[in-house]
Amino acid sequence: MSRPALARVPRDAHPPRRPLSPLAQALVMGCLDRAEQLGHTVPTITNPADLRGAEGLEVIRDVSIELGQVLTQCHERQRRE
């Protein structure tokens, strides 16, 4: 089965200085919580409402790269067992 193509999001879809929506804030915090559960060091964000678009995207990008590596390693380990 082939993987679905990732959608390209235009850079101006969310202005970098605009505050994140509550849904985007929840996504950022969820990514951070999951990374912390997996033992990664994560930045402390005391108030997600203070995050701006560029900051939120940077946090998600950094955390998702690390999570992707961990999940790939777990998947490969399970395939070998």
C-alpha atoms as a PDB file:
ATOM      1  CA  MET A   1       0.000   0.000   0.000  1.00  0.00           C
ATOM      2  CA  SER A   2       1.444   3.386  -0.914  1.00  0.00           C
ATOM      3  CA  ARG A   3       1.569   6.288   1.491  1.00  0.00           C
ATOM      4  CA  PRO A   4      -0.603   9.335   0.821  1.00  0.00           C
ATOM      5  CA  ALA A   5       1.206  12.388  -0.491  1.00  0.00           C
ATOM      6  CA  LEU A   6       1.760  15.133   2.039  1.00  0.00           C
ATOM      7  CA  ALA A   7      -0.053  18.347   1.320  1.00  0.00           C
ATOM      8  CA  ARG A   8       2.066  21.405   0.727  1.00  0.00           C
ATOM      9  CA  VAL A   9       1.024  24.225   3.019  1.00  0.00           C
ATOM     10  CA  PRO A  10       1.757  27.690   1.647  1.00  0.00           C
ATOM     11  CA  ARG A  11       4.104  29.765   3.811  1.00  0.00           C
ATOM     12  CA  ASP A  12       1.486  32.472   4.126  1.00  0.00           C
ATOM     13  CA  ALA A  13      -1.205  30.050   5.316  1.00  0.00           C
ATOM     14  CA  HIS A  14      -0.509  31.153   8.873  1.00  0.00           C
ATOM     15  CA  PRO A  15       1.326  34.452   9.311  1.00  0.00           C
ATOM     16  CA  PRO A  16       4.450  33.969  11.455  1.00  0.00           C
ATOM     17  CA  ARG A  17       3.614  36.815  13.854  1.00  0.00           C
ATOM     18  CA  ARG A  18      -0.040  35.938  14.335  1.00  0.00           C
ATOM     19  CA  PRO A  19      -1.035  34.168  17.576  1.00  0.00           C
ATOM     20  CA  LEU A  20      -1.837  30.482  17.295  1.00  0.00           C
ATOM     21  CA  SER A  21      -5.440  29.343  17.409  1.00  0.00           C
ATOM     22  CA  PRO A  22      -6.537  27.252  20.417  1.00  0.00           C
ATOM     23  CA  LEU A  23      -6.423  24.123  18.229  1.00  0.00           C
ATOM     24  CA  ALA A  24      -2.858  24.887  17.114  1.00  0.00           C
ATOM     25  CA  GLN A  25      -1.869  25.567  20.725  1.00  0.00           C
ATOM     26  CA  ALA A  26      -3.253  22.170  21.721  1.00  0.00           C
ATOM     27  CA  LEU A  27      -1.310  20.515  18.890  1.00  0.00           C
ATOM     28  CA  VAL A  28       1.959  22.120  20.010  1.00  0.00           C
ATOM     29  CA  MET A  29       1.403  21.144  23.634  1.00  0.00           C
ATOM     30  CA  GLY A  30       0.385  17.608  22.639  1.00  0.00           C
ATOM     31  CA  CYS A  31       3.593  17.199  20.630  1.00  0.00           C
ATOM     32  CA  LEU A  32       5.623  18.407  23.581  1.00  0.00           C
ATOM     33  CA  ASP A  33       3.824  16.104  26.016  1.00  0.00           C
ATOM     34  CA  ARG A  34       4.381  13.065  23.794  1.00  0.00           C
ATOM     35  CA  ALA A  35       8.051  13.865  23.298  1.00  0.00           C
ATOM     36  CA  GLU A  36       8.488  14.263  27.046  1.00  0.00           C
ATOM     37  CA  GLN A  37       6.779  10.894  27.639  1.00  0.00           C
ATOM     38  CA  LEU A  38       9.320   9.329  25.296  1.00  0.00           C
ATOM     39  CA  GLY A  39      12.169  10.797  27.338  1.00  0.00           C
ATOM     40  CA  HIS A  40      13.138  13.806  25.229  1.00  0.00           C
ATOM     41  CA  THR A  41      14.072  17.164  26.664  1.00  0.00           C
ATOM     42  CA  VAL A  42      11.442  19.665  25.592  1.00  0.00           C
ATOM     43  CA  PRO A  43      11.211  23.431  25.910  1.00  0.00           C
ATOM     44  CA  THR A  44       9.090  24.779  28.745  1.00  0.00           C
ATOM     45  CA  ILE A  45       6.089  26.716  27.506  1.00  0.00           C
ATOM     46  CA  THR A  46       4.168  28.258  30.381  1.00  0.00           C
ATOM     47  CA  ASN A  47       1.454  29.907  28.295  1.00  0.00           C
ATOM     48  CA  PRO A  48       0.738  28.447  24.841  1.00  0.00           C
ATOM     49  CA  ALA A  49      -1.436  31.472  24.038  1.00  0.00           C
ATOM     50  CA  ASP A  50       1.774  33.533  23.872  1.00  0.00           C
ATOM     51  CA  LEU A  51       3.133  31.456  20.978  1.00  0.00           C
ATOM     52  CA  ARG A  52       3.191  32.984  17.522  1.00  0.00           C
ATOM     53  CA  GLY A  53       2.866  31.096  14.265  1.00  0.00           C
ATOM     54  CA  ALA A  54       6.573  30.817  13.514  1.00  0.00           C
ATOM     55  CA  GLU A  55       7.390  29.695  17.064  1.00  0.00           C
ATOM     56  CA  GLY A  56       4.657  27.072  17.050  1.00  0.00           C
ATOM     57  CA  LEU A  57       5.760  25.678  13.703  1.00  0.00           C
ATOM     58  CA  GLU A  58       9.364  25.529  14.859  1.00  0.00           C
ATOM     59  CA  VAL A  59       8.415  23.599  18.014  1.00  0.00           C
ATOM     60  CA  ILE A  60       6.263  21.134  16.053  1.00  0.00           C
ATOM     61  CA  ARG A  61       8.972  20.664  13.406  1.00  0.00           C
ATOM     62  CA  ASP A  62      11.716  20.016  15.972  1.00  0.00           C
ATOM     63  CA  VAL A  63       9.636  17.638  18.052  1.00  0.00           C
ATOM     64  CA  SER A  64       8.165  15.764  15.084  1.00  0.00           C
ATOM     65  CA  ILE A  65      11.641  15.091  13.652  1.00  0.00           C
ATOM     66  CA  GLU A  66      12.729  13.543  16.954  1.00  0.00           C
ATOM     67  CA  LEU A  67       9.471  11.617  17.347  1.00  0.00           C
ATOM     68  CA  GLY A  68       9.745  10.338  13.791  1.00  0.00           C
ATOM     69  CA  GLN A  69      13.207   8.946  14.489  1.00  0.00           C
ATOM     70  CA  VAL A  70      12.048   7.252  17.698  1.00  0.00           C
ATOM     71  CA  LEU A  71       8.962   5.753  16.055  1.00  0.00           C
ATOM     72  CA  THR A  72      11.026   4.493  13.105  1.00  0.00           C
ATOM     73  CA  GLN A  73      13.445   2.783  15.479  1.00  0.00           C
ATOM     74  CA  CYS A  74      10.549   1.184  17.388  1.00  0.00           C
ATOM     75  CA  HIS A  75       8.968  -0.028  14.152  1.00  0.00           C
ATOM     76  CA  GLU A  76      12.249  -1.542  12.925  1.00  0.00           C
ATOM     77  CA  ARG A  77      12.790  -3.260  16.278  1.00  0.00           C
ATOM     78  CA  GLN A  78       9.277  -4.770  16.154  1.00  0.00           C
ATOM     79  CA  ARG A  79       9.813  -6.037  12.597  1.00  0.00           C
ATOM     80  CA  ARG A  80      12.962  -7.896  13.684  1.00  0.00           C
ATOM     81  CA  GLU A  81      11.194  -9.635  16.589  1.00  0.00           C
END
